[in-house]
Each structure stands twice: as C-alpha cells, then as structure tokens.
C-alpha cells in the first residue's frame, strides 16, 4: 500500500462509534479542509469564516466580547480577527440597536459573498468526500447532521 492509499473503512462496533465521536469531529475539520479542490482553505480562513457565520446568525447584534465568549476564544484574538475582517471590507462596526453606546458587527455585502463562497467550497468538499456514497446515504447524513446542529442549538447555554 502506497503512502496515499488508505485501508478500506470497516464498521466499528456501536459502542466504539459513540465512544470516538469526538475524534471523528476533530478529524472532520482537518480532513475537510484538505480535499483537492480548486483553492485550499487556509487555517485563518476557517476562523474568519466561523466568525462571519456567527455575525450573520446574530444579524448584527454581537459585540467582539460576545463573539469571543461564544467562540471560547480570547477577546484579543477575536478583536484582531474582527479588525482584519473590517479592514478587508467583510464586516462593519455599527452602533448597537439596543444600546447606542455599544458597538456590534455586521456583515457587508462583500462579507456575504465571501461566506457564500466558503459554503460553496464546503458543499464541494462534501460532494468530493462522499463521491462513492449513493444519494440516499448523502441525504440521510445531511438530515442527521442538521438534526444534530438543531439539537445543539436548543441545548446551548444562554
């Protein structure tokens, strides 16, 4: 077997599947960003895209402090990342609708384009990785993943 070939996937026991779900999530991110597509995703782009997605979901209601807390990152790191996104024209700082003294972040049209491009690349990576799956398997995985995300959203602490 050459260095690039991988052994065929064998189904672990149900208990092993559940025990190693965390490992699977970790591998998912690392391996998804490494699929051979037109443009590879740099690590900074992954963090940037996560920040842009969170700002989009919050619809302009998150401050840098709130983003740092939500991401579980240091405020200074998030502040640098947000400042970079502002200077690239992806985000804009706006006065909070609920507290005019507070500054929140909002996506710009260019930020929406960048986020749409990232999502398109994620879709292409999914198609590449699952290219040997049948359509029913792809759809079932997608349904279960969306159900998992919805459940995680409901269970997230406020």
N, C-alpha and C. Protein backbone atom coordinates (compact mmCIF):
# COMPACT_ATOMS: atom_id res chain seq x y z
N UNK A 1 0.86 -1.18 0.00
CA UNK A 1 0.00 0.00 0.00
C UNK A 1 0.90 1.23 0.00
N UNK A 2 0.68 2.17 -0.94
CA UNK A 2 1.49 3.39 -1.00
C UNK A 2 1.09 4.34 0.12
N UNK A 3 1.88 5.42 0.31
CA UNK A 3 1.61 6.39 1.37
C UNK A 3 0.28 7.10 1.21
N UNK A 4 -0.26 7.15 -0.01
CA UNK A 4 -1.52 7.87 -0.24
C UNK A 4 -2.75 6.98 -0.08
N UNK A 5 -2.58 5.67 -0.24
CA UNK A 5 -3.71 4.77 -0.13
C UNK A 5 -4.09 4.60 1.33
N UNK A 6 -5.37 4.41 1.55
CA UNK A 6 -5.85 4.17 2.90
C UNK A 6 -6.63 2.86 2.91
N UNK A 7 -6.57 2.13 4.01
CA UNK A 7 -7.33 0.89 4.07
C UNK A 7 -8.82 1.16 3.96
N UNK A 8 -9.53 0.15 3.46
CA UNK A 8 -10.99 0.29 3.35
C UNK A 8 -11.57 0.51 4.73
N UNK A 9 -12.62 1.33 4.81
CA UNK A 9 -13.25 1.63 6.08
C UNK A 9 -14.04 0.43 6.53
N UNK A 10 -13.83 0.01 7.76
CA UNK A 10 -14.61 -1.08 8.33
C UNK A 10 -15.46 -0.51 9.46
N UNK A 11 -16.61 -1.03 9.59
CA UNK A 11 -17.57 -0.51 10.56
C UNK A 11 -17.20 -0.95 11.97
N UNK A 12 -16.91 0.02 12.85
CA UNK A 12 -16.64 -0.32 14.25
C UNK A 12 -17.94 -0.70 14.96
N UNK A 13 -17.80 -1.21 16.16
CA UNK A 13 -18.98 -1.56 16.93
C UNK A 13 -19.76 -0.29 17.29
N UNK A 14 -21.01 -0.46 17.66
CA UNK A 14 -21.84 0.68 18.06
C UNK A 14 -21.20 1.43 19.23
N UNK A 15 -20.69 0.69 20.21
CA UNK A 15 -20.07 1.31 21.38
C UNK A 15 -18.84 2.12 20.97
N UNK A 16 -18.03 1.57 20.06
CA UNK A 16 -16.85 2.30 19.59
C UNK A 16 -17.24 3.55 18.82
N UNK A 17 -18.30 3.47 18.02
CA UNK A 17 -18.77 4.65 17.29
C UNK A 17 -19.08 5.79 18.25
N UNK A 18 -19.83 5.48 19.29
CA UNK A 18 -20.23 6.51 20.26
C UNK A 18 -19.04 6.99 21.08
N UNK A 19 -18.16 6.09 21.47
CA UNK A 19 -17.00 6.45 22.29
C UNK A 19 -16.06 7.40 21.54
N UNK A 20 -15.97 7.26 20.25
CA UNK A 20 -14.99 8.01 19.46
C UNK A 20 -15.59 9.12 18.62
N UNK A 21 -16.78 9.59 18.98
CA UNK A 21 -17.42 10.65 18.19
C UNK A 21 -16.61 11.95 18.23
N UNK A 22 -16.00 12.26 19.37
CA UNK A 22 -15.18 13.47 19.47
C UNK A 22 -14.00 13.43 18.52
N UNK A 23 -13.37 12.29 18.42
CA UNK A 23 -12.26 12.12 17.49
C UNK A 23 -12.74 12.31 16.05
N UNK A 24 -13.91 11.81 15.76
CA UNK A 24 -14.46 11.95 14.41
C UNK A 24 -14.70 13.42 14.07
N UNK A 25 -15.23 14.19 15.02
CA UNK A 25 -15.45 15.63 14.78
C UNK A 25 -14.12 16.34 14.52
N UNK A 26 -13.11 16.00 15.30
CA UNK A 26 -11.79 16.64 15.11
C UNK A 26 -11.22 16.31 13.74
N UNK A 27 -11.30 15.07 13.35
CA UNK A 27 -10.78 14.66 12.04
C UNK A 27 -11.58 15.29 10.89
N UNK A 28 -12.87 15.46 11.11
CA UNK A 28 -13.73 16.02 10.07
C UNK A 28 -13.21 17.38 9.61
N UNK A 29 -12.94 18.29 10.55
CA UNK A 29 -12.49 19.62 10.18
C UNK A 29 -11.13 19.56 9.49
N UNK A 30 -10.21 18.79 10.05
CA UNK A 30 -8.87 18.72 9.46
C UNK A 30 -8.91 18.14 8.05
N UNK A 31 -9.66 17.11 7.87
CA UNK A 31 -9.65 16.43 6.57
C UNK A 31 -10.51 17.13 5.53
N UNK A 32 -11.55 17.82 5.96
CA UNK A 32 -12.39 18.54 5.01
C UNK A 32 -11.63 19.68 4.37
N UNK A 33 -10.79 20.36 5.14
CA UNK A 33 -10.04 21.48 4.57
C UNK A 33 -8.91 21.02 3.68
N UNK A 34 -8.61 19.73 3.66
CA UNK A 34 -7.51 19.23 2.85
C UNK A 34 -7.91 18.52 1.58
N UNK A 35 -9.19 18.54 1.21
CA UNK A 35 -9.60 17.84 -0.02
C UNK A 35 -9.08 18.60 -1.24
N UNK A 36 -8.78 17.89 -2.32
CA UNK A 36 -8.20 18.54 -3.50
C UNK A 36 -9.24 19.29 -4.34
N UNK A 37 -9.47 20.54 -3.98
CA UNK A 37 -10.38 21.39 -4.74
C UNK A 37 -9.56 22.52 -5.37
N UNK A 38 -10.24 23.41 -6.08
CA UNK A 38 -9.56 24.50 -6.77
C UNK A 38 -8.68 25.32 -5.85
N UNK A 39 -9.19 25.64 -4.67
CA UNK A 39 -8.47 26.52 -3.77
C UNK A 39 -8.49 25.91 -2.37
N UNK A 40 -7.31 25.71 -1.80
CA UNK A 40 -7.24 25.18 -0.44
C UNK A 40 -7.64 26.27 0.55
N UNK A 41 -8.16 25.86 1.69
CA UNK A 41 -8.61 26.79 2.71
C UNK A 41 -7.51 26.92 3.76
N UNK A 42 -7.03 28.14 3.97
CA UNK A 42 -6.01 28.38 4.99
C UNK A 42 -6.66 28.37 6.36
N UNK A 43 -5.88 28.04 7.38
CA UNK A 43 -6.41 27.99 8.75
C UNK A 43 -7.04 29.32 9.13
N UNK A 44 -6.43 30.45 8.75
CA UNK A 44 -7.01 31.74 9.09
C UNK A 44 -8.36 31.92 8.41
N UNK A 45 -8.54 31.35 7.23
CA UNK A 45 -9.83 31.45 6.55
C UNK A 45 -10.90 30.68 7.31
N UNK A 46 -10.57 29.56 7.89
CA UNK A 46 -11.54 28.77 8.66
C UNK A 46 -12.05 29.59 9.84
N UNK A 47 -11.12 30.21 10.58
CA UNK A 47 -11.53 31.05 11.72
C UNK A 47 -12.33 32.25 11.24
N UNK A 48 -11.88 32.85 10.16
CA UNK A 48 -12.60 34.00 9.60
C UNK A 48 -14.00 33.60 9.20
N UNK A 49 -14.15 32.48 8.52
CA UNK A 49 -15.46 32.04 8.06
C UNK A 49 -16.38 31.72 9.23
N UNK A 50 -15.83 31.15 10.30
CA UNK A 50 -16.63 30.89 11.50
C UNK A 50 -17.11 32.20 12.10
N UNK A 51 -16.23 33.18 12.19
CA UNK A 51 -16.60 34.50 12.72
C UNK A 51 -17.69 35.13 11.86
N UNK A 52 -17.51 35.10 10.54
CA UNK A 52 -18.51 35.68 9.64
C UNK A 52 -19.86 34.98 9.79
N UNK A 53 -19.85 33.66 9.92
CA UNK A 53 -21.11 32.91 10.07
C UNK A 53 -21.81 33.28 11.38
N UNK A 54 -21.05 33.46 12.44
CA UNK A 54 -21.66 33.82 13.72
C UNK A 54 -22.25 35.23 13.66
N UNK A 55 -21.55 36.14 13.00
CA UNK A 55 -22.07 37.50 12.85
C UNK A 55 -23.35 37.47 12.03
N UNK A 56 -23.36 36.66 10.97
CA UNK A 56 -24.57 36.54 10.14
C UNK A 56 -25.74 36.01 10.96
N UNK A 57 -25.52 34.95 11.74
CA UNK A 57 -26.58 34.36 12.55
C UNK A 57 -27.13 35.35 13.57
N UNK A 58 -26.25 36.18 14.11
CA UNK A 58 -26.67 37.14 15.14
C UNK A 58 -27.31 38.38 14.53
N UNK A 59 -27.21 38.52 13.21
CA UNK A 59 -27.82 39.64 12.49
C UNK A 59 -27.45 41.00 13.09
N UNK A 60 -26.15 41.19 13.32
CA UNK A 60 -25.67 42.48 13.77
C UNK A 60 -25.86 42.78 15.24
N UNK A 61 -26.09 41.75 16.05
CA UNK A 61 -26.33 42.02 17.47
C UNK A 61 -25.19 41.58 18.39
N UNK A 62 -24.07 41.13 17.83
CA UNK A 62 -22.97 40.66 18.66
C UNK A 62 -21.81 41.64 18.68
N UNK A 63 -21.30 41.87 19.87
CA UNK A 63 -20.09 42.66 20.03
C UNK A 63 -18.89 41.71 19.96
N UNK A 64 -17.69 42.27 19.93
CA UNK A 64 -16.48 41.45 19.95
C UNK A 64 -16.44 40.62 21.24
N UNK A 65 -16.82 41.21 22.36
CA UNK A 65 -16.84 40.47 23.63
C UNK A 65 -17.79 39.28 23.56
N UNK A 66 -18.98 39.48 23.01
CA UNK A 66 -19.95 38.40 22.90
C UNK A 66 -19.46 37.32 21.94
N UNK A 67 -18.82 37.73 20.84
CA UNK A 67 -18.26 36.76 19.90
C UNK A 67 -17.16 35.93 20.57
N UNK A 68 -16.29 36.59 21.31
CA UNK A 68 -15.21 35.88 22.00
C UNK A 68 -15.77 34.84 22.96
N UNK A 69 -16.80 35.23 23.70
CA UNK A 69 -17.43 34.29 24.63
C UNK A 69 -18.07 33.13 23.88
N UNK A 70 -18.76 33.41 22.79
CA UNK A 70 -19.43 32.36 22.02
C UNK A 70 -18.42 31.41 21.37
N UNK A 71 -17.29 31.94 20.96
CA UNK A 71 -16.27 31.13 20.30
C UNK A 71 -15.34 30.43 21.30
N UNK A 72 -15.39 30.88 22.56
CA UNK A 72 -14.48 30.33 23.55
C UNK A 72 -13.04 30.73 23.28
N UNK A 73 -12.86 31.94 22.75
CA UNK A 73 -11.53 32.43 22.41
C UNK A 73 -11.22 33.68 23.23
N UNK A 74 -9.95 34.01 23.30
CA UNK A 74 -9.53 35.23 23.97
C UNK A 74 -10.09 36.44 23.23
N UNK A 75 -10.50 37.44 23.97
CA UNK A 75 -11.07 38.65 23.37
C UNK A 75 -10.08 39.31 22.42
N UNK A 76 -8.80 39.33 22.79
CA UNK A 76 -7.81 39.99 21.92
C UNK A 76 -7.67 39.28 20.58
N UNK A 77 -7.74 37.95 20.58
CA UNK A 77 -7.66 37.19 19.32
C UNK A 77 -8.86 37.49 18.43
N UNK A 78 -10.04 37.50 19.02
CA UNK A 78 -11.26 37.79 18.26
C UNK A 78 -11.24 39.24 17.77
N UNK A 79 -10.76 40.13 18.61
CA UNK A 79 -10.67 41.54 18.23
C UNK A 79 -9.75 41.72 17.02
N UNK A 80 -8.61 41.03 17.02
CA UNK A 80 -7.69 41.12 15.87
C UNK A 80 -8.34 40.55 14.62
N UNK A 81 -9.00 39.42 14.77
CA UNK A 81 -9.66 38.79 13.63
C UNK A 81 -10.78 39.68 13.09
N UNK A 82 -11.57 40.25 13.98
CA UNK A 82 -12.65 41.16 13.57
C UNK A 82 -12.07 42.39 12.89
N UNK A 83 -11.00 42.95 13.45
CA UNK A 83 -10.38 44.13 12.85
C UNK A 83 -9.87 43.83 11.45
N UNK A 84 -9.32 42.65 11.27
CA UNK A 84 -8.85 42.23 9.94
C UNK A 84 -10.03 42.14 8.97
N UNK A 85 -11.14 41.58 9.44
CA UNK A 85 -12.34 41.47 8.59
C UNK A 85 -12.90 42.85 8.24
N UNK A 86 -12.84 43.77 9.20
CA UNK A 86 -13.29 45.15 8.93
C UNK A 86 -12.39 45.79 7.89
N UNK A 87 -11.07 45.64 8.04
CA UNK A 87 -10.15 46.26 7.09
C UNK A 87 -10.26 45.64 5.70
N UNK A 88 -10.65 44.37 5.61
CA UNK A 88 -10.86 43.71 4.32
C UNK A 88 -12.23 44.02 3.72
N UNK A 89 -13.06 44.75 4.47
CA UNK A 89 -14.39 45.11 3.98
C UNK A 89 -15.43 44.02 4.13
N UNK A 90 -15.16 43.03 4.98
CA UNK A 90 -16.09 41.92 5.18
C UNK A 90 -17.11 42.20 6.28
N UNK A 91 -16.69 43.00 7.25
CA UNK A 91 -17.55 43.38 8.37
C UNK A 91 -17.52 44.89 8.52
N UNK A 92 -18.58 45.40 9.15
CA UNK A 92 -18.58 46.81 9.52
C UNK A 92 -19.00 46.92 10.97
N UNK A 93 -18.46 47.93 11.63
CA UNK A 93 -18.84 48.20 13.01
C UNK A 93 -20.02 49.14 12.99
N UNK A 94 -21.04 48.81 13.79
CA UNK A 94 -22.24 49.65 13.85
C UNK A 94 -22.66 49.83 15.30
N UNK A 95 -23.36 50.91 15.57
CA UNK A 95 -23.90 51.13 16.91
C UNK A 95 -24.98 50.09 17.18
N UNK A 96 -24.96 49.56 18.38
CA UNK A 96 -25.94 48.56 18.77
C UNK A 96 -27.34 49.15 18.71
N UNK A 97 -28.29 48.36 18.23
CA UNK A 97 -29.69 48.80 18.17
C UNK A 97 -30.30 48.88 19.57
N UNK A 98 -29.78 48.06 20.50
CA UNK A 98 -30.35 48.05 21.85
C UNK A 98 -29.62 49.00 22.80
N UNK A 99 -28.35 49.30 22.50
CA UNK A 99 -27.57 50.19 23.35
C UNK A 99 -26.62 50.98 22.46
N UNK A 100 -26.98 52.19 22.15
CA UNK A 100 -26.22 53.03 21.22
C UNK A 100 -24.78 53.25 21.62
N UNK A 101 -24.44 52.99 22.88
CA UNK A 101 -23.06 53.16 23.33
C UNK A 101 -22.20 51.96 22.95
N UNK A 102 -22.82 50.85 22.65
CA UNK A 102 -22.11 49.61 22.35
C UNK A 102 -21.94 49.47 20.84
N UNK A 103 -20.83 48.84 20.42
CA UNK A 103 -20.54 48.61 19.01
C UNK A 103 -20.73 47.13 18.70
N UNK A 104 -21.45 46.84 17.64
CA UNK A 104 -21.62 45.46 17.20
C UNK A 104 -21.06 45.33 15.79
N UNK A 105 -21.05 44.12 15.29
CA UNK A 105 -20.51 43.83 13.97
C UNK A 105 -21.63 43.37 13.04
N UNK A 106 -21.51 43.76 11.78
CA UNK A 106 -22.50 43.37 10.78
C UNK A 106 -21.77 43.01 9.49
N UNK A 107 -22.27 41.99 8.79
CA UNK A 107 -21.68 41.61 7.51
C UNK A 107 -21.92 42.69 6.46
N UNK A 108 -20.92 42.90 5.62
CA UNK A 108 -21.08 43.76 4.46
C UNK A 108 -21.49 42.88 3.29
N UNK A 109 -21.90 43.48 2.18
CA UNK A 109 -22.19 42.66 1.00
C UNK A 109 -20.98 41.80 0.58
N UNK A 110 -19.78 42.35 0.69
CA UNK A 110 -18.58 41.58 0.36
C UNK A 110 -18.41 40.43 1.35
N UNK A 111 -18.70 40.65 2.62
CA UNK A 111 -18.64 39.59 3.61
C UNK A 111 -19.61 38.47 3.31
N UNK A 112 -20.80 38.85 2.84
CA UNK A 112 -21.79 37.83 2.45
C UNK A 112 -21.29 37.01 1.26
N UNK A 113 -20.62 37.66 0.32
CA UNK A 113 -20.06 36.94 -0.83
C UNK A 113 -18.97 35.96 -0.39
N UNK A 114 -18.09 36.40 0.49
CA UNK A 114 -17.02 35.54 0.99
C UNK A 114 -17.61 34.34 1.72
N UNK A 115 -18.62 34.57 2.54
CA UNK A 115 -19.26 33.49 3.28
C UNK A 115 -19.97 32.53 2.32
N UNK A 116 -20.62 33.06 1.30
CA UNK A 116 -21.27 32.20 0.31
C UNK A 116 -20.23 31.35 -0.42
N UNK A 117 -19.08 31.93 -0.73
CA UNK A 117 -18.01 31.18 -1.39
C UNK A 117 -17.48 30.07 -0.50
N UNK A 118 -17.33 30.35 0.79
CA UNK A 118 -16.87 29.34 1.74
C UNK A 118 -17.87 28.19 1.83
N UNK A 119 -19.15 28.54 1.84
CA UNK A 119 -20.18 27.49 1.92
C UNK A 119 -20.23 26.66 0.64
N UNK A 120 -19.99 27.32 -0.48
CA UNK A 120 -19.94 26.58 -1.75
C UNK A 120 -18.77 25.60 -1.72
N UNK A 121 -17.64 26.05 -1.21
CA UNK A 121 -16.47 25.16 -1.12
C UNK A 121 -16.75 24.00 -0.17
N UNK A 122 -17.45 24.26 0.93
CA UNK A 122 -17.79 23.18 1.85
C UNK A 122 -18.70 22.16 1.17
N UNK A 123 -19.63 22.65 0.36
CA UNK A 123 -20.52 21.74 -0.38
C UNK A 123 -19.72 20.88 -1.36
N UNK A 124 -18.77 21.51 -2.04
CA UNK A 124 -17.93 20.76 -2.98
C UNK A 124 -17.08 19.73 -2.25
N UNK A 125 -16.57 20.09 -1.07
CA UNK A 125 -15.78 19.15 -0.28
C UNK A 125 -16.66 17.96 0.13
N UNK A 126 -17.89 18.25 0.56
CA UNK A 126 -18.83 17.19 0.93
C UNK A 126 -19.07 16.26 -0.26
N UNK A 127 -19.30 16.84 -1.42
CA UNK A 127 -19.54 16.02 -2.62
C UNK A 127 -18.32 15.17 -2.97
N UNK A 128 -17.14 15.74 -2.82
CA UNK A 128 -15.91 15.00 -3.11
C UNK A 128 -15.73 13.85 -2.12
N UNK A 129 -15.87 14.15 -0.84
CA UNK A 129 -15.65 13.13 0.19
C UNK A 129 -16.66 12.00 0.08
N UNK A 130 -17.89 12.33 -0.29
CA UNK A 130 -18.95 11.32 -0.35
C UNK A 130 -19.22 10.85 -1.78
N UNK A 131 -18.25 11.05 -2.66
CA UNK A 131 -18.46 10.72 -4.07
C UNK A 131 -18.79 9.24 -4.31
N UNK A 132 -18.43 8.36 -3.40
CA UNK A 132 -18.74 6.95 -3.57
C UNK A 132 -19.99 6.53 -2.80
N UNK A 133 -20.65 7.48 -2.15
CA UNK A 133 -21.89 7.19 -1.45
C UNK A 133 -23.04 7.29 -2.44
N UNK A 134 -24.12 6.57 -2.17
CA UNK A 134 -25.30 6.77 -3.01
C UNK A 134 -26.08 7.99 -2.48
N UNK A 135 -27.01 8.48 -3.29
CA UNK A 135 -27.75 9.70 -2.94
C UNK A 135 -28.51 9.57 -1.62
N UNK A 136 -29.07 8.39 -1.35
CA UNK A 136 -29.81 8.20 -0.09
C UNK A 136 -28.89 8.34 1.12
N UNK A 137 -27.66 7.82 1.02
CA UNK A 137 -26.72 7.95 2.13
C UNK A 137 -26.33 9.42 2.36
N UNK A 138 -26.08 10.14 1.28
CA UNK A 138 -25.75 11.57 1.39
C UNK A 138 -26.88 12.34 2.06
N UNK A 139 -28.10 12.11 1.61
CA UNK A 139 -29.25 12.83 2.18
C UNK A 139 -29.49 12.45 3.64
N UNK A 140 -29.34 11.18 3.97
CA UNK A 140 -29.55 10.76 5.35
C UNK A 140 -28.50 11.39 6.26
N UNK A 141 -27.25 11.41 5.82
CA UNK A 141 -26.20 12.05 6.60
C UNK A 141 -26.52 13.53 6.78
N UNK A 142 -26.92 14.20 5.71
CA UNK A 142 -27.25 15.63 5.78
C UNK A 142 -28.41 15.87 6.75
N UNK A 143 -29.45 15.04 6.66
CA UNK A 143 -30.60 15.19 7.57
C UNK A 143 -30.16 15.03 9.04
N UNK A 144 -29.38 14.00 9.31
CA UNK A 144 -28.94 13.75 10.68
C UNK A 144 -28.00 14.84 11.17
N UNK A 145 -27.15 15.36 10.32
CA UNK A 145 -26.25 16.43 10.72
C UNK A 145 -27.03 17.70 11.04
N UNK A 146 -28.02 18.03 10.22
CA UNK A 146 -28.87 19.20 10.51
C UNK A 146 -29.66 18.99 11.80
N UNK A 147 -30.14 17.79 12.02
CA UNK A 147 -30.86 17.49 13.26
C UNK A 147 -29.93 17.65 14.46
N UNK A 148 -28.69 17.20 14.34
CA UNK A 148 -27.70 17.33 15.41
C UNK A 148 -27.44 18.81 15.71
N UNK A 149 -27.25 19.61 14.68
CA UNK A 149 -27.00 21.04 14.86
C UNK A 149 -28.19 21.72 15.51
N UNK A 150 -29.40 21.37 15.09
CA UNK A 150 -30.60 21.96 15.69
C UNK A 150 -30.68 21.59 17.18
N UNK A 151 -30.37 20.34 17.51
CA UNK A 151 -30.40 19.92 18.91
C UNK A 151 -29.34 20.65 19.72
N UNK A 152 -28.16 20.82 19.15
CA UNK A 152 -27.09 21.55 19.85
C UNK A 152 -27.49 22.99 20.08
N UNK A 153 -28.19 23.58 19.13
CA UNK A 153 -28.64 24.97 19.28
C UNK A 153 -29.65 25.11 20.41
N UNK A 154 -30.54 24.14 20.54
CA UNK A 154 -31.54 24.17 21.60
C UNK A 154 -30.91 23.96 22.97
N UNK A 155 -29.83 23.17 23.03
CA UNK A 155 -29.19 22.81 24.29
C UNK A 155 -28.11 23.79 24.70
N UNK A 156 -27.74 24.73 23.83
CA UNK A 156 -26.66 25.67 24.14
C UNK A 156 -27.06 26.57 25.30
N UNK A 157 -26.11 26.82 26.22
CA UNK A 157 -26.42 27.72 27.34
C UNK A 157 -26.63 29.14 26.82
N UNK A 158 -27.50 29.86 27.47
CA UNK A 158 -27.79 31.24 27.07
C UNK A 158 -26.73 32.17 27.57
